[in-house]
């Protein structure tokens, strides 16, 4: 049996290894900038840090970050709720799934970014068009993940509970939902990366605010430090969102157990 001190040492070793990886990457980056690659193309970490600090001081970073977070959270929330609901419906009613599935698959195969001009025409160049695009991307991921989770539920468990006098609501609460949740969490994790990517790309293509716009505006000005600084902020945001989602999943797992 692993003791608490050994677990603590293992955790510290993992943390030290993670910090070492970051330091090695930063050192290699610093060495490559201006040595292997011109600084005009590959900015160094110090310049990137100075750019982020300047954005923080003048408040521009927070303005762009808030817009990106609004787009991401609204689009992710709408897409996740609708996708989970549709996935449950298609999983519980397979005949409906058989009728609608060919059209869903056809739309899913369409590159979602191609819908952005349509959403801009319908909703304008503001945040609403990007929210709609993110929602569509997340919707399909959660739909298929949830539907597959419902299909994977052991039908014999529901039949046994039904023979014992359980109603459909009780069967859903004790069998369907707990068995489907891992599939839903997998979909949520996968959708996080796609949602953030779609948000940034949408802002870069048709917006005057957000981290995506910050990347695009720095690029057209050939500001390598600005491009890398915005990318670093996006990566940090991705780490934060993934960590929050992981904690939520862990808390839910304790509740289910």
Protein backbone atom coordinates (compact mmCIF):
# COMPACT_ATOMS: atom_id res chain seq x y z
CA UNK A 1 0.00 0.00 0.00
CA UNK A 2 1.33 3.41 -0.95
CA UNK A 3 1.78 5.67 2.06
CA UNK A 4 0.90 9.36 2.20
CA UNK A 5 4.56 10.56 2.34
CA UNK A 6 5.43 8.52 -0.76
CA UNK A 7 2.42 9.94 -2.59
CA UNK A 8 3.53 13.44 -1.61
CA UNK A 9 7.05 12.77 -2.90
CA UNK A 10 5.65 11.40 -6.13
CA UNK A 11 3.49 14.49 -6.57
CA UNK A 12 6.49 16.77 -5.92
CA UNK A 13 8.59 14.84 -8.44
CA UNK A 14 5.88 15.18 -11.07
CA UNK A 15 5.58 18.92 -10.37
CA UNK A 16 9.36 19.32 -10.54
CA UNK A 17 9.42 17.47 -13.86
CA UNK A 18 6.69 19.70 -15.26
CA UNK A 19 8.55 22.85 -14.17
CA UNK A 20 11.76 21.47 -15.67
CA UNK A 21 10.04 20.89 -19.02
CA UNK A 22 8.81 24.52 -19.07
CA UNK A 23 12.27 25.83 -18.20
CA UNK A 24 13.89 23.72 -20.92
CA UNK A 25 11.39 24.92 -23.50
CA UNK A 26 11.95 28.56 -22.50
CA UNK A 27 15.73 28.10 -22.60
CA UNK A 28 15.59 26.50 -26.06
CA UNK A 29 13.24 29.22 -27.25
CA UNK A 30 15.53 31.98 -25.92
CA UNK A 31 18.57 30.36 -27.54
CA UNK A 32 16.84 29.87 -30.91
CA UNK A 33 15.55 33.45 -31.09
CA UNK A 34 18.17 35.61 -32.75
CA UNK A 35 20.59 32.69 -33.09
CA UNK A 36 18.91 30.03 -35.22
CA UNK A 37 15.95 32.16 -36.29
CA UNK A 38 15.78 35.92 -36.71
CA UNK A 39 13.99 37.76 -33.89
CA UNK A 40 11.84 39.39 -36.53
CA UNK A 41 10.32 35.93 -37.09
CA UNK A 42 10.78 34.26 -33.71
CA UNK A 43 10.56 36.66 -30.79
CA UNK A 44 12.27 35.76 -27.52
CA UNK A 45 10.46 34.97 -24.23
CA UNK A 46 11.57 38.21 -22.57
CA UNK A 47 10.04 40.36 -25.33
CA UNK A 48 6.85 38.30 -25.16
CA UNK A 49 6.65 38.77 -21.40
CA UNK A 50 7.23 42.51 -21.81
CA UNK A 51 4.43 42.68 -24.39
CA UNK A 52 1.99 40.89 -22.07
CA UNK A 53 3.00 43.21 -19.21
CA UNK A 54 2.37 46.25 -21.43
CA UNK A 55 -1.06 44.91 -22.39
CA UNK A 56 -1.88 44.40 -18.72
CA UNK A 57 -0.77 47.92 -17.82
CA UNK A 58 -2.84 49.64 -20.50
CA UNK A 59 -5.84 47.36 -19.90
CA UNK A 60 -6.10 46.13 -23.50
CA UNK A 61 -5.47 42.49 -22.54
CA UNK A 62 -8.46 42.38 -20.21
CA UNK A 63 -10.75 43.94 -22.81
CA UNK A 64 -9.83 41.33 -25.42
CA UNK A 65 -9.82 38.49 -22.88
CA UNK A 66 -13.33 39.33 -21.67
CA UNK A 67 -14.68 39.27 -25.23
CA UNK A 68 -13.05 35.90 -25.93
CA UNK A 69 -14.36 34.46 -22.66
CA UNK A 70 -17.88 35.69 -23.38
CA UNK A 71 -17.85 34.15 -26.84
CA UNK A 72 -16.36 30.90 -25.59
CA UNK A 73 -18.60 30.45 -22.55
CA UNK A 74 -21.87 31.41 -24.25
CA UNK A 75 -21.16 29.31 -27.33
CA UNK A 76 -19.85 26.37 -25.28
CA UNK A 77 -22.80 26.46 -22.89
CA UNK A 78 -25.47 26.70 -25.58
CA UNK A 79 -23.84 24.02 -27.73
CA UNK A 80 -23.28 21.65 -24.79
CA UNK A 81 -26.84 21.90 -23.43
CA UNK A 82 -28.44 21.46 -26.85
CA UNK A 83 -26.00 18.70 -27.85
CA UNK A 84 -26.55 16.68 -24.67
CA UNK A 85 -30.33 17.04 -24.96
CA UNK A 86 -30.31 15.97 -28.61
CA UNK A 87 -27.93 13.09 -27.88
CA UNK A 88 -30.20 11.80 -25.11
CA UNK A 89 -33.23 12.06 -27.38
CA UNK A 90 -31.53 10.25 -30.26
CA UNK A 91 -30.19 7.58 -27.92
CA UNK A 92 -33.53 6.93 -26.22
CA UNK A 93 -35.51 7.06 -29.48
CA UNK A 94 -33.42 5.15 -32.07
CA UNK A 95 -36.09 5.44 -34.76
CA UNK A 96 -35.84 9.22 -34.64
CA UNK A 97 -32.07 8.85 -34.86
CA UNK A 98 -32.40 6.62 -37.93
CA UNK A 99 -34.51 9.24 -39.71
CA UNK A 100 -32.44 12.29 -38.79
CA UNK A 101 -28.95 10.74 -38.68
CA UNK A 102 -28.09 11.07 -42.43
CA UNK A 103 -28.78 14.81 -42.35
CA UNK A 104 -26.87 15.26 -39.07
CA UNK A 105 -23.85 13.42 -40.48
CA UNK A 106 -23.96 15.49 -43.68
CA UNK A 107 -24.00 18.77 -41.74
CA UNK A 108 -21.30 17.51 -39.38
CA UNK A 109 -19.00 16.80 -42.33
CA UNK A 110 -19.26 20.45 -43.41
CA UNK A 111 -16.26 22.56 -42.32
CA UNK A 112 -17.83 24.66 -39.56
CA UNK A 113 -15.72 27.72 -40.32
CA UNK A 114 -17.54 27.91 -43.68
CA UNK A 115 -20.67 28.85 -41.72
CA UNK A 116 -19.07 32.01 -40.32
CA UNK A 117 -19.94 34.25 -43.32
CA UNK A 118 -23.55 33.08 -43.06
CA UNK A 119 -23.67 33.85 -39.35
CA UNK A 120 -22.08 37.26 -39.97
CA UNK A 121 -24.83 38.04 -42.52
CA UNK A 122 -27.55 36.86 -40.15
CA UNK A 123 -26.19 38.09 -36.81
CA UNK A 124 -23.66 40.77 -37.69
CA UNK A 125 -19.92 41.03 -37.15
CA UNK A 126 -20.27 41.25 -33.38
CA UNK A 127 -20.01 38.56 -30.74
CA UNK A 128 -23.30 36.82 -31.67
CA UNK A 129 -21.96 35.35 -34.93
CA UNK A 130 -18.95 33.84 -33.15
CA UNK A 131 -21.14 32.48 -30.35
CA UNK A 132 -23.33 30.75 -32.95
CA UNK A 133 -20.29 29.22 -34.66
CA UNK A 134 -18.85 27.90 -31.38
CA UNK A 135 -22.27 26.55 -30.37
CA UNK A 136 -22.58 24.59 -33.63
CA UNK A 137 -19.12 23.04 -33.20
CA UNK A 138 -19.77 22.02 -29.58
CA UNK A 139 -23.31 20.83 -30.37
CA UNK A 140 -22.21 18.09 -32.75
CA UNK A 141 -19.41 16.84 -30.49
CA UNK A 142 -21.74 16.51 -27.50
CA UNK A 143 -24.56 15.08 -29.60
CA UNK A 144 -22.51 12.14 -30.88
CA UNK A 145 -20.75 11.58 -27.55
CA UNK A 146 -23.99 11.54 -25.55
CA UNK A 147 -25.83 9.41 -28.09
CA UNK A 148 -23.07 6.80 -28.07
CA UNK A 149 -23.13 6.83 -24.27
CA UNK A 150 -26.86 6.10 -24.19
CA UNK A 151 -26.42 3.30 -26.73
CA UNK A 152 -23.66 1.77 -24.59
CA UNK A 153 -25.93 1.44 -21.53
CA UNK A 154 -26.63 -2.19 -20.60
CA UNK A 155 -30.32 -2.71 -21.40
CA UNK A 156 -30.49 -5.66 -19.00
CA UNK A 157 -29.95 -3.35 -16.03
CA UNK A 158 -32.98 -1.29 -16.94
CA UNK A 159 -35.03 -4.44 -17.51
CA UNK A 160 -34.09 -5.81 -14.08
CA UNK A 161 -35.06 -2.57 -12.36
CA UNK A 162 -38.31 -2.46 -14.29
CA UNK A 163 -39.13 -5.99 -13.10
CA UNK A 164 -38.46 -4.83 -9.55
CA UNK A 165 -41.07 -2.11 -9.98
CA UNK A 166 -38.87 0.87 -10.83
CA UNK A 167 -40.33 3.60 -13.02
CA UNK A 168 -38.67 5.15 -16.04
CA UNK A 169 -37.50 8.21 -14.06
CA UNK A 170 -35.82 6.00 -11.46
CA UNK A 171 -34.20 3.91 -14.20
CA UNK A 172 -32.90 7.08 -15.83
CA UNK A 173 -31.52 8.35 -12.52
CA UNK A 174 -29.88 5.09 -11.44
CA UNK A 175 -28.78 3.59 -14.76
CA UNK A 176 -29.01 5.85 -17.79
CA UNK A 177 -27.52 9.08 -16.43
CA UNK A 178 -24.60 7.52 -14.43
CA UNK A 179 -23.65 5.27 -17.36
CA UNK A 180 -23.80 8.15 -19.86
CA UNK A 181 -21.89 10.73 -17.79
CA UNK A 182 -18.38 9.44 -18.65
CA UNK A 183 -19.23 9.79 -22.35
CA UNK A 184 -20.57 13.28 -21.74
CA UNK A 185 -17.39 14.30 -19.88
CA UNK A 186 -15.27 12.94 -22.71
CA UNK A 187 -17.29 15.05 -25.14
CA UNK A 188 -16.94 18.11 -22.93
CA UNK A 189 -13.16 17.70 -22.76
CA UNK A 190 -12.85 17.26 -26.51
CA UNK A 191 -15.23 20.15 -27.19
CA UNK A 192 -13.16 22.51 -25.01
CA UNK A 193 -10.24 22.56 -27.42
CA UNK A 194 -12.44 22.83 -30.48
CA UNK A 195 -14.49 25.62 -28.90
CA UNK A 196 -11.42 27.67 -28.00
CA UNK A 197 -9.91 27.14 -31.46
CA UNK A 198 -13.16 28.13 -33.16
CA UNK A 199 -13.45 31.24 -30.97
CA UNK A 200 -9.93 32.42 -31.77
CA UNK A 201 -10.22 31.67 -35.51
CA UNK A 202 -13.62 33.36 -35.70
CA UNK A 203 -12.27 36.46 -33.99
CA UNK A 204 -9.24 36.52 -36.28
CA UNK A 205 -11.43 36.34 -39.39
CA UNK A 206 -14.27 38.69 -38.52
CA UNK A 207 -13.89 40.75 -35.38
CA UNK A 208 -12.27 43.85 -33.98
CA UNK A 209 -12.01 42.47 -30.46
CA UNK A 210 -10.81 39.31 -28.72
CA UNK A 211 -7.60 37.29 -28.52
CA UNK A 212 -8.03 36.09 -32.09
CA UNK A 213 -8.19 39.70 -33.29
CA UNK A 214 -5.11 40.42 -31.17
CA UNK A 215 -3.21 37.66 -32.96
CA UNK A 216 -4.36 38.82 -36.38
CA UNK A 217 -3.66 42.52 -35.76
CA UNK A 218 -0.18 41.72 -34.45
CA UNK A 219 0.46 39.51 -37.47
CA UNK A 220 -0.44 42.16 -40.05
CA UNK A 221 1.90 44.57 -38.24
CA UNK A 222 4.67 41.92 -38.32
CA UNK A 223 4.79 42.11 -34.53
CA UNK A 224 6.21 38.68 -33.68
CA UNK A 225 6.25 39.40 -29.94
CA UNK A 226 2.58 40.38 -30.06
CA UNK A 227 1.61 37.20 -31.91
CA UNK A 228 3.47 34.98 -29.46
CA UNK A 229 2.15 36.95 -26.48
CA UNK A 230 -1.46 36.44 -27.60
CA UNK A 231 -0.79 32.73 -28.20
CA UNK A 232 0.67 32.41 -24.70
CA UNK A 233 -2.48 33.97 -23.25
CA UNK A 234 -4.63 31.53 -25.27
CA UNK A 235 -2.58 28.58 -23.98
CA UNK A 236 -2.91 29.82 -20.39
CA UNK A 237 -6.66 30.18 -20.88
CA UNK A 238 -6.82 26.62 -22.22
CA UNK A 239 -4.98 25.30 -19.18
CA UNK A 240 -7.36 27.17 -16.87
CA UNK A 241 -10.52 25.90 -18.57
CA UNK A 242 -9.22 22.33 -18.71
CA UNK A 243 -8.32 22.46 -15.01
CA UNK A 244 -11.76 23.74 -14.02
CA UNK A 245 -13.45 21.05 -16.12
CA UNK A 246 -11.23 18.38 -14.56
CA UNK A 247 -12.15 19.49 -11.04
CA UNK A 248 -15.83 19.49 -11.95
CA UNK A 249 -15.54 15.97 -13.34
CA UNK A 250 -13.72 14.75 -10.21
CA UNK A 251 -16.39 16.28 -7.96
CA UNK A 252 -19.12 14.66 -10.03
CA UNK A 253 -17.36 11.29 -9.87
CA UNK A 254 -17.32 11.48 -6.06
CA UNK A 255 -21.04 12.31 -6.13
CA UNK A 256 -21.80 9.33 -8.37
CA UNK A 257 -19.83 6.98 -6.14
